[in-house]
C-alpha atoms as a PDB file:
ATOM      1  CA  MET A   1      21.162  52.899 -21.070  1.00  0.00           C
ATOM      2  CA  THR A   2      25.087  53.352 -21.575  1.00  0.00           C
ATOM      3  CA  THR A   3      26.966  52.643 -24.725  1.00  0.00           C
ATOM      4  CA  LEU A   4      30.438  52.942 -25.902  1.00  0.00           C
ATOM      5  CA  THR A   5      31.684  55.907 -27.693  1.00  0.00           C
ATOM      6  CA  LYS A   6      33.332  55.967 -31.075  1.00  0.00           C
ATOM      7  CA  GLU A   7      36.663  55.912 -29.476  1.00  0.00           C
ATOM      8  CA  GLN A   8      35.878  53.130 -27.200  1.00  0.00           C
ATOM      9  CA  TRP A   9      34.719  51.142 -30.072  1.00  0.00           C
ATOM     10  CA  LYS A  10      38.171  51.979 -31.514  1.00  0.00           C
ATOM     11  CA  GLN A  11      39.974  50.882 -28.500  1.00  0.00           C
ATOM     12  CA  VAL A  12      38.017  47.519 -28.580  1.00  0.00           C
ATOM     13  CA  GLU A  13      39.089  46.806 -32.223  1.00  0.00           C
ATOM     14  CA  ILE A  14      42.543  47.580 -31.705  1.00  0.00           C
ATOM     15  CA  ASN A  15      42.588  45.111 -28.898  1.00  0.00           C
ATOM     16  CA  LEU A  16      41.014  42.283 -30.784  1.00  0.00           C
ATOM     17  CA  SER A  17      43.109  43.340 -34.014  1.00  0.00           C
ATOM     18  CA  GLY A  18      45.863  41.183 -32.664  1.00  0.00           C
ATOM     19  CA  PRO A  19      46.942  37.677 -32.125  1.00  0.00           C
ATOM     20  CA  PHE A  20      45.621  36.663 -28.301  1.00  0.00           C
ATOM     21  CA  GLY A  21      43.910  39.971 -27.951  1.00  0.00           C
ATOM     22  CA  GLU A  22      41.331  40.001 -25.454  1.00  0.00           C
ATOM     23  CA  VAL A  23      38.400  42.369 -24.187  1.00  0.00           C
ATOM     24  CA  GLU A  24      35.622  41.855 -21.463  1.00  0.00           C
ATOM     25  CA  LEU A  25      32.368  43.402 -22.399  1.00  0.00           C
ATOM     26  CA  LEU A  26      29.046  43.834 -20.019  1.00  0.00           C
ATOM     27  CA  ALA A  27      26.087  43.808 -22.629  1.00  0.00           C
ATOM     28  CA  ASP A  28      22.505  44.010 -21.609  1.00  0.00           C
ATOM     29  CA  GLY A  29      23.669  42.597 -18.355  1.00  0.00           C
ATOM     30  CA  TYR A  30      25.370  39.582 -19.887  1.00  0.00           C
ATOM     31  CA  ARG A  31      29.517  39.534 -19.082  1.00  0.00           C
ATOM     32  CA  LEU A  32      31.182  38.448 -22.121  1.00  0.00           C
ATOM     33  CA  THR A  33      34.806  37.890 -22.747  1.00  0.00           C
ATOM     34  CA  LEU A  34      35.961  38.175 -26.415  1.00  0.00           C
ATOM     35  CA  GLN A  35      39.279  36.584 -27.687  1.00  0.00           C
ATOM     36  CA  VAL A  36      41.244  36.189 -30.651  1.00  0.00           C
ATOM     37  CA  GLN A  37      42.018  32.432 -31.030  1.00  0.00           C
ATOM     38  CA  ARG A  38      43.861  30.655 -33.727  1.00  0.00           C
ATOM     39  CA  TYR A  39      41.116  28.902 -35.998  1.00  0.00           C
ATOM     40  CA  LYS A  40      43.438  27.378 -38.782  1.00  0.00           C
ATOM     41  CA  ALA A  41      46.651  27.830 -39.971  1.00  0.00           C
ATOM     42  CA  LEU A  42      47.318  31.424 -40.621  1.00  0.00           C
ATOM     43  CA  ARG A  43      43.681  32.429 -39.785  1.00  0.00           C
ATOM     44  CA  HIS A  44      42.318  33.881 -36.276  1.00  0.00           C
ATOM     45  CA  CYS A  45      38.851  34.520 -35.310  1.00  0.00           C
ATOM     46  CA  ILE A  46      37.367  36.059 -32.485  1.00  0.00           C
ATOM     47  CA  THR A  47      35.316  33.919 -30.481  1.00  0.00           C
ATOM     48  CA  VAL A  48      33.019  34.369 -27.100  1.00  0.00           C
ATOM     49  CA  GLY A  49      35.137  32.753 -24.302  1.00  0.00           C
ATOM     50  CA  LYS A  50      33.450  31.386 -21.247  1.00  0.00           C
ATOM     51  CA  LEU A  51      30.384  29.690 -22.809  1.00  0.00           C
ATOM     52  CA  LYS A  52      27.924  27.802 -20.991  1.00  0.00           C
ATOM     53  CA  GLY A  53      26.739  24.411 -22.434  1.00  0.00           C
ATOM     54  CA  GLU A  54      23.238  25.169 -22.411  1.00  0.00           C
ATOM     55  CA  TRP A  55      24.103  28.071 -24.771  1.00  0.00           C
ATOM     56  CA  PHE A  56      24.955  25.505 -27.480  1.00  0.00           C
ATOM     57  CA  LYS A  57      21.494  23.937 -27.524  1.00  0.00           C
ATOM     58  CA  GLY A  58      19.910  27.228 -28.594  1.00  0.00           C
ATOM     59  CA  GLU A  59      17.203  27.564 -26.028  1.00  0.00           C
ATOM     60  CA  ALA A  60      18.835  29.778 -23.630  1.00  0.00           C
ATOM     61  CA  PRO A  61      18.341  33.548 -23.999  1.00  0.00           C
ATOM     62  CA  GLU A  62      22.300  34.063 -24.098  1.00  0.00           C
ATOM     63  CA  ALA A  63      22.485  31.744 -27.054  1.00  0.00           C
ATOM     64  CA  LYS A  64      19.888  33.489 -29.096  1.00  0.00           C
ATOM     65  CA  LYS A  65      21.227  36.852 -28.607  1.00  0.00           C
ATOM     66  CA  PHE A  66      25.252  35.998 -28.896  1.00  0.00           C
ATOM     67  CA  CYS A  67      25.692  32.769 -31.194  1.00  0.00           C
ATOM     68  CA  ARG A  68      24.914  32.568 -34.558  1.00  0.00           C
ATOM     69  CA  GLU A  69      23.594  29.215 -35.898  1.00  0.00           C
ATOM     70  CA  SER A  70      25.749  28.103 -38.421  1.00  0.00           C
ATOM     71  CA  ARG A  71      25.063  25.235 -40.865  1.00  0.00           C
ATOM     72  CA  ARG A  72      27.110  23.866 -43.894  1.00  0.00           C
ATOM     73  CA  TRP A  73      27.147  21.204 -46.398  1.00  0.00           C
ATOM     74  CA  LEU A  74      29.865  18.437 -46.010  1.00  0.00           C
ATOM     75  CA  TYR A  75      29.646  17.561 -49.573  1.00  0.00           C
ATOM     76  CA  PRO A  76      29.143  19.637 -52.598  1.00  0.00           C
ATOM     77  CA  ALA A  77      25.523  19.565 -54.285  1.00  0.00           C
ATOM     78  CA  LYS A  78      27.061  17.372 -57.158  1.00  0.00           C
ATOM     79  CA  LYS A  79      28.394  14.630 -54.650  1.00  0.00           C
ATOM     80  CA  ARG A  80      25.106  14.735 -52.587  1.00  0.00           C
ATOM     81  CA  GLU A  81      22.972  14.269 -55.545  1.00  0.00           C
ATOM     82  CA  GLU A  82      25.158  11.288 -56.785  1.00  0.00           C
ATOM     83  CA  ALA A  83      25.161   9.840 -53.161  1.00  0.00           C
ATOM     84  CA  ALA A  84      21.192  10.110 -53.099  1.00  0.00           C
ATOM     85  CA  LYS A  85      21.142   8.323 -56.453  1.00  0.00           C
ATOM     86  CA  ALA A  86      23.314   5.629 -55.247  1.00  0.00           C
ATOM     87  CA  LEU A  87      21.299   5.042 -52.029  1.00  0.00           C
ATOM     88  CA  THR A  88      18.202   4.780 -53.868  1.00  0.00           C
ATOM     89  CA  ARG A  89      19.836   2.391 -56.400  1.00  0.00           C
ATOM     90  CA  HIS A  90      21.458   0.033 -53.701  1.00  0.00           C
ATOM     91  CA  LEU A  91      17.901  -0.088 -51.752  1.00  0.00           C
ATOM     92  CA  ARG A  92      16.140  -1.167 -54.970  1.00  0.00           C
ATOM     93  CA  LYS A  93      18.842  -4.016 -55.798  1.00  0.00           C
ATOM     94  CA  THR A  94      19.452  -5.320 -51.956  1.00  0.00           C
ATOM     95  CA  CYS A  95      16.077  -5.012 -50.280  1.00  0.00           C
ATOM     96  CA  ALA A  96      12.752  -7.113 -51.376  1.00  0.00           C
ATOM     97  CA  ASP A  97      10.517  -4.992 -49.317  1.00  0.00           C
ATOM     98  CA  VAL A  98      10.658  -1.167 -48.742  1.00  0.00           C
ATOM     99  CA  GLU A  99       7.846   0.778 -47.474  1.00  0.00           C
ATOM    100  CA  ILE A 100       7.330   4.389 -46.215  1.00  0.00           C
ATOM    101  CA  VAL A 101       6.867   4.798 -42.721  1.00  0.00           C
ATOM    102  CA  ARG A 102       6.540   8.568 -42.213  1.00  0.00           C
ATOM    103  CA  MET A 103       6.937  11.324 -44.677  1.00  0.00           C
END
């Protein structure tokens, strides 16, 4: 088992500190290409390049090892609560028959 030294890790960080930096690593037998890419205006992020489609499904071992699952709400809690109340109020007013199929 080989691991990078502190100096090598420092060199990796230096290569990834600027825009359009790129480093290719071999981690546990997986070839990874780390790239600095533009995320938003004046923001950059480090991405794992050359991803395969099955990695996004979350079932591949590479996905479990290298891709972090991320979930975010589109609306804040107050808006979600208001929308839920509006939906139930709308269903009560417009539907004559409402039943639960599965809960």
